[in-house]
PDB file of N, CA and C in Angstrom:
ATOM      1  N   UNK A   1      70.980  97.041 108.648  1.00  0.00           N
ATOM      2  CA  UNK A   1      72.143  97.842 108.351  1.00  0.00           C
ATOM      3  C   UNK A   1      72.544  98.571 109.627  1.00  0.00           C
ATOM      4  N   UNK A   2      73.849  98.604 109.890  1.00  0.00           N
ATOM      5  CA  UNK A   2      74.398  99.285 111.057  1.00  0.00           C
ATOM      6  C   UNK A   2      75.393 100.322 110.552  1.00  0.00           C
ATOM      7  N   UNK A   3      75.247 101.563 111.011  1.00  0.00           N
ATOM      8  CA  UNK A   3      76.192 102.630 110.664  1.00  0.00           C
ATOM      9  C   UNK A   3      76.743 103.178 111.968  1.00  0.00           C
ATOM     10  N   UNK A   4      78.065 103.352 112.029  1.00  0.00           N
ATOM     11  CA  UNK A   4      78.705 103.749 113.282  1.00  0.00           C
ATOM     12  C   UNK A   4      80.039 104.425 112.999  1.00  0.00           C
ATOM     13  N   UNK A   5      80.582 105.101 114.003  1.00  0.00           N
ATOM     14  CA  UNK A   5      81.897 105.725 113.924  1.00  0.00           C
ATOM     15  C   UNK A   5      82.908 104.875 114.675  1.00  0.00           C
ATOM     16  N   UNK A   6      84.111 104.758 114.112  1.00  0.00           N
ATOM     17  CA  UNK A   6      85.211 104.088 114.788  1.00  0.00           C
ATOM     18  C   UNK A   6      85.950 105.140 115.612  1.00  0.00           C
ATOM     19  N   UNK A   7      85.994 104.950 116.900  1.00  0.00           N
ATOM     20  CA  UNK A   7      86.583 105.947 117.797  1.00  0.00           C
ATOM     21  C   UNK A   7      88.109 105.927 117.808  1.00  0.00           C
ATOM     22  N   UNK A   8      88.713 104.797 117.439  1.00  0.00           N
ATOM     23  CA  UNK A   8      90.173 104.691 117.419  1.00  0.00           C
ATOM     24  C   UNK A   8      90.615 103.961 116.156  1.00  0.00           C
ATOM     25  N   UNK A   9      91.891 104.090 115.827  1.00  0.00           N
ATOM     26  CA  UNK A   9      92.450 103.363 114.680  1.00  0.00           C
ATOM     27  C   UNK A   9      92.375 101.851 114.903  1.00  0.00           C
ATOM     28  N   UNK A  10      92.585 101.427 116.156  1.00  0.00           N
ATOM     29  CA  UNK A  10      92.528  99.998 116.465  1.00  0.00           C
ATOM     30  C   UNK A  10      91.118  99.446 116.242  1.00  0.00           C
ATOM     31  N   UNK A  11      90.104 100.193 116.666  1.00  0.00           N
ATOM     32  CA  UNK A  11      88.730  99.751 116.432  1.00  0.00           C
ATOM     33  C   UNK A  11      88.399  99.730 114.948  1.00  0.00           C
ATOM     34  N   UNK A  12      88.899 100.723 114.226  1.00  0.00           N
ATOM     35  CA  UNK A  12      88.679 100.773 112.782  1.00  0.00           C
ATOM     36  C   UNK A  12      89.188  99.492 112.123  1.00  0.00           C
ATOM     37  N   UNK A  13      90.386  99.081 112.472  1.00  0.00           N
ATOM     38  CA  UNK A  13      90.968  97.862 111.901  1.00  0.00           C
ATOM     39  C   UNK A  13      90.181  96.629 112.330  1.00  0.00           C
ATOM     40  N   UNK A  14      89.739  96.600 113.565  1.00  0.00           N
ATOM     41  CA  UNK A  14      88.933  95.483 114.080  1.00  0.00           C
ATOM     42  C   UNK A  14      87.625  95.357 113.291  1.00  0.00           C
ATOM     43  N   UNK A  15      86.932  96.463 113.066  1.00  0.00           N
ATOM     44  CA  UNK A  15      85.668  96.433 112.322  1.00  0.00           C
ATOM     45  C   UNK A  15      85.880  95.980 110.884  1.00  0.00           C
ATOM     46  N   UNK A  16      86.942  96.455 110.260  1.00  0.00           N
ATOM     47  CA  UNK A  16      87.238  96.055 108.886  1.00  0.00           C
ATOM     48  C   UNK A  16      87.580  94.571 108.802  1.00  0.00           C
ATOM     49  N   UNK A  17      88.465  94.128 109.681  1.00  0.00           N
ATOM     50  CA  UNK A  17      88.982  92.758 109.648  1.00  0.00           C
ATOM     51  C   UNK A  17      87.950  91.736 110.124  1.00  0.00           C
ATOM     52  N   UNK A  18      87.315  91.996 111.264  1.00  0.00           N
ATOM     53  CA  UNK A  18      86.484  90.980 111.903  1.00  0.00           C
ATOM     54  C   UNK A  18      85.004  91.033 111.530  1.00  0.00           C
ATOM     55  N   UNK A  19      84.533  92.195 111.068  1.00  0.00           N
ATOM     56  CA  UNK A  19      83.112  92.315 110.767  1.00  0.00           C
ATOM     57  C   UNK A  19      82.826  92.661 109.310  1.00  0.00           C
ATOM     58  N   UNK A  20      83.866  92.867 108.518  1.00  0.00           N
ATOM     59  CA  UNK A  20      83.656  93.192 107.115  1.00  0.00           C
ATOM     60  C   UNK A  20      83.009  94.547 106.901  1.00  0.00           C
ATOM     61  N   UNK A  21      83.298  95.502 107.790  1.00  0.00           N
ATOM     62  CA  UNK A  21      82.721  96.840 107.680  1.00  0.00           C
ATOM     63  C   UNK A  21      83.217  97.543 106.418  1.00  0.00           C
ATOM     64  N   UNK A  22      82.396  98.463 105.919  1.00  0.00           N
ATOM     65  CA  UNK A  22      82.733  99.257 104.740  1.00  0.00           C
ATOM     66  C   UNK A  22      82.735 100.731 105.113  1.00  0.00           C
ATOM     67  N   UNK A  23      83.785 101.485 104.742  1.00  0.00           N
ATOM     68  CA  UNK A  23      83.791 102.925 105.016  1.00  0.00           C
ATOM     69  C   UNK A  23      82.695 103.626 104.211  1.00  0.00           C
ATOM     70  N   UNK A  24      82.057 104.614 104.822  1.00  0.00           N
ATOM     71  CA  UNK A  24      81.053 105.439 104.156  1.00  0.00           C
ATOM     72  C   UNK A  24      81.351 106.907 104.439  1.00  0.00           C
ATOM     73  N   UNK A  25      80.686 107.798 103.714  1.00  0.00           N
ATOM     74  CA  UNK A  25      80.899 109.237 103.910  1.00  0.00           C
ATOM     75  C   UNK A  25      80.593 109.607 105.358  1.00  0.00           C
ATOM     76  N   UNK A  26      81.457 110.417 105.937  1.00  0.00           N
ATOM     77  CA  UNK A  26      81.300 110.814 107.332  1.00  0.00           C
ATOM     78  C   UNK A  26      80.500 112.098 107.460  1.00  0.00           C
ATOM     79  N   UNK A  27      79.698 112.179 108.506  1.00  0.00           N
ATOM     80  CA  UNK A  27      78.953 113.404 108.802  1.00  0.00           C
ATOM     81  C   UNK A  27      79.810 114.420 109.534  1.00  0.00           C
ATOM     82  N   UNK A  28      80.985 113.996 110.000  1.00  0.00           N
ATOM     83  CA  UNK A  28      81.873 114.847 110.784  1.00  0.00           C
ATOM     84  C   UNK A  28      83.265 114.891 110.153  1.00  0.00           C
ATOM     85  N   UNK A  29      83.460 115.720 109.118  1.00  0.00           N
ATOM     86  CA  UNK A  29      84.777 115.788 108.488  1.00  0.00           C
ATOM     87  C   UNK A  29      85.873 116.075 109.528  1.00  0.00           C
ATOM     88  N   UNK A  30      86.948 115.327 109.435  1.00  0.00           N
ATOM     89  CA  UNK A  30      88.050 115.484 110.375  1.00  0.00           C
ATOM     90  C   UNK A  30      87.831 114.719 111.673  1.00  0.00           C
ATOM     91  N   UNK A  31      86.665 114.118 111.849  1.00  0.00           N
ATOM     92  CA  UNK A  31      86.361 113.352 113.054  1.00  0.00           C
ATOM     93  C   UNK A  31      86.561 111.871 112.816  1.00  0.00           C
ATOM     94  N   UNK A  32      85.931 111.045 113.642  1.00  0.00           N
ATOM     95  CA  UNK A  32      86.058 109.593 113.469  1.00  0.00           C
ATOM     96  C   UNK A  32      85.526 109.141 112.110  1.00  0.00           C
ATOM     97  N   UNK A  33      86.110 108.087 111.579  1.00  0.00           N
ATOM     98  CA  UNK A  33      85.642 107.540 110.303  1.00  0.00           C
ATOM     99  C   UNK A  33      84.348 106.769 110.521  1.00  0.00           C
ATOM    100  N   UNK A  34      83.444 106.872 109.557  1.00  0.00           N
ATOM    101  CA  UNK A  34      82.143 106.228 109.626  1.00  0.00           C
ATOM    102  C   UNK A  34      82.154 104.948 108.794  1.00  0.00           C
ATOM    103  N   UNK A  35      81.518 103.904 109.327  1.00  0.00           N
ATOM    104  CA  UNK A  35      81.477 102.606 108.676  1.00  0.00           C
ATOM    105  C   UNK A  35      80.063 102.070 108.641  1.00  0.00           C
ATOM    106  N   UNK A  36      79.869 101.087 107.760  1.00  0.00           N
ATOM    107  CA  UNK A  36      78.584 100.420 107.629  1.00  0.00           C
ATOM    108  C   UNK A  36      78.814  98.911 107.601  1.00  0.00           C
ATOM    109  N   UNK A  37      77.932  98.198 108.298  1.00  0.00           N
ATOM    110  CA  UNK A  37      77.878  96.745 108.207  1.00  0.00           C
ATOM    111  C   UNK A  37      76.454  96.424 107.800  1.00  0.00           C
ATOM    112  N   UNK A  38      76.295  95.613 106.753  1.00  0.00           N
ATOM    113  CA  UNK A  38      74.951  95.359 106.219  1.00  0.00           C
ATOM    114  C   UNK A  38      74.734  93.872 105.971  1.00  0.00           C
ATOM    115  N   UNK A  39      73.507  93.574 105.604  1.00  0.00           N
ATOM    116  CA  UNK A  39      73.093  92.245 105.178  1.00  0.00           C
ATOM    117  C   UNK A  39      73.340  91.194 106.257  1.00  0.00           C
ATOM    118  N   UNK A  40      73.842  90.038 105.863  1.00  0.00           N
ATOM    119  CA  UNK A  40      73.989  88.931 106.802  1.00  0.00           C
ATOM    120  C   UNK A  40      74.964  89.265 107.924  1.00  0.00           C
ATOM    121  N   UNK A  41      76.016  90.012 107.641  1.00  0.00           N
ATOM    122  CA  UNK A  41      76.978  90.373 108.692  1.00  0.00           C
ATOM    123  C   UNK A  41      76.292  91.162 109.801  1.00  0.00           C
ATOM    124  N   UNK A  42      75.424  92.100 109.447  1.00  0.00           N
ATOM    125  CA  UNK A  42      74.690  92.881 110.444  1.00  0.00           C
ATOM    126  C   UNK A  42      73.741  91.977 111.228  1.00  0.00           C
ATOM    127  N   UNK A  43      73.061  91.078 110.555  1.00  0.00           N
ATOM    128  CA  UNK A  43      72.154  90.150 111.238  1.00  0.00           C
ATOM    129  C   UNK A  43      72.917  89.265 112.221  1.00  0.00           C
ATOM    130  N   UNK A  44      74.089  88.819 111.808  1.00  0.00           N
ATOM    131  CA  UNK A  44      74.903  87.967 112.684  1.00  0.00           C
ATOM    132  C   UNK A  44      75.315  88.714 113.950  1.00  0.00           C
ATOM    133  N   UNK A  45      75.705  89.978 113.812  1.00  0.00           N
ATOM    134  CA  UNK A  45      76.100  90.776 114.974  1.00  0.00           C
ATOM    135  C   UNK A  45      74.915  90.958 115.908  1.00  0.00           C
ATOM    136  N   UNK A  46      73.767  91.356 115.358  1.00  0.00           N
ATOM    137  CA  UNK A  46      72.577  91.528 116.194  1.00  0.00           C
ATOM    138  C   UNK A  46      72.216  90.234 116.910  1.00  0.00           C
ATOM    139  N   UNK A  47      72.245  89.146 116.188  1.00  0.00           N
ATOM    140  CA  UNK A  47      71.877  87.857 116.778  1.00  0.00           C
ATOM    141  C   UNK A  47      72.821  87.476 117.918  1.00  0.00           C
ATOM    142  N   UNK A  48      74.118  87.722 117.738  1.00  0.00           N
ATOM    143  CA  UNK A  48      75.072  87.338 118.768  1.00  0.00           C
ATOM    144  C   UNK A  48      74.893  88.149 120.041  1.00  0.00           C
ATOM    145  N   UNK A  49      74.459  89.402 119.929  1.00  0.00           N
ATOM    146  CA  UNK A  49      74.280  90.237 121.124  1.00  0.00           C
ATOM    147  C   UNK A  49      72.869  90.126 121.690  1.00  0.00           C
ATOM    148  N   UNK A  50      71.879  89.895 120.865  1.00  0.00           N
ATOM    149  CA  UNK A  50      70.506  89.821 121.359  1.00  0.00           C
ATOM    150  C   UNK A  50      70.166  88.483 121.964  1.00  0.00           C
ATOM    151  N   UNK A  51      70.827  87.435 121.478  1.00  0.00           N
ATOM    152  CA  UNK A  51      70.458  86.100 121.914  1.00  0.00           C
ATOM    153  C   UNK A  51      71.592  85.397 122.665  1.00  0.00           C
ATOM    154  N   UNK A  52      72.449  86.184 123.323  1.00  0.00           N
ATOM    155  CA  UNK A  52      73.530  85.593 124.116  1.00  0.00           C
ATOM    156  C   UNK A  52      72.947  84.800 125.268  1.00  0.00           C
ATOM    157  N   UNK A  53      73.622  83.739 125.608  1.00  0.00           N
ATOM    158  CA  UNK A  53      73.168  82.938 126.754  1.00  0.00           C
ATOM    159  C   UNK A  53      74.158  83.029 127.856  1.00  0.00           C
TER     160      UNK A  53
END
């Protein structure tokens, strides 16, 4: 599971569209929106960055 903040509106849309991110409760009200990517989508992201050639 990956939990992160989207720093811009453009990144927020990218995470939703391309990674299937889900909004979750934010620890910083009024700040960046917090998202979660879990299960196979999270594994795929880790694999693509950890095992790049």
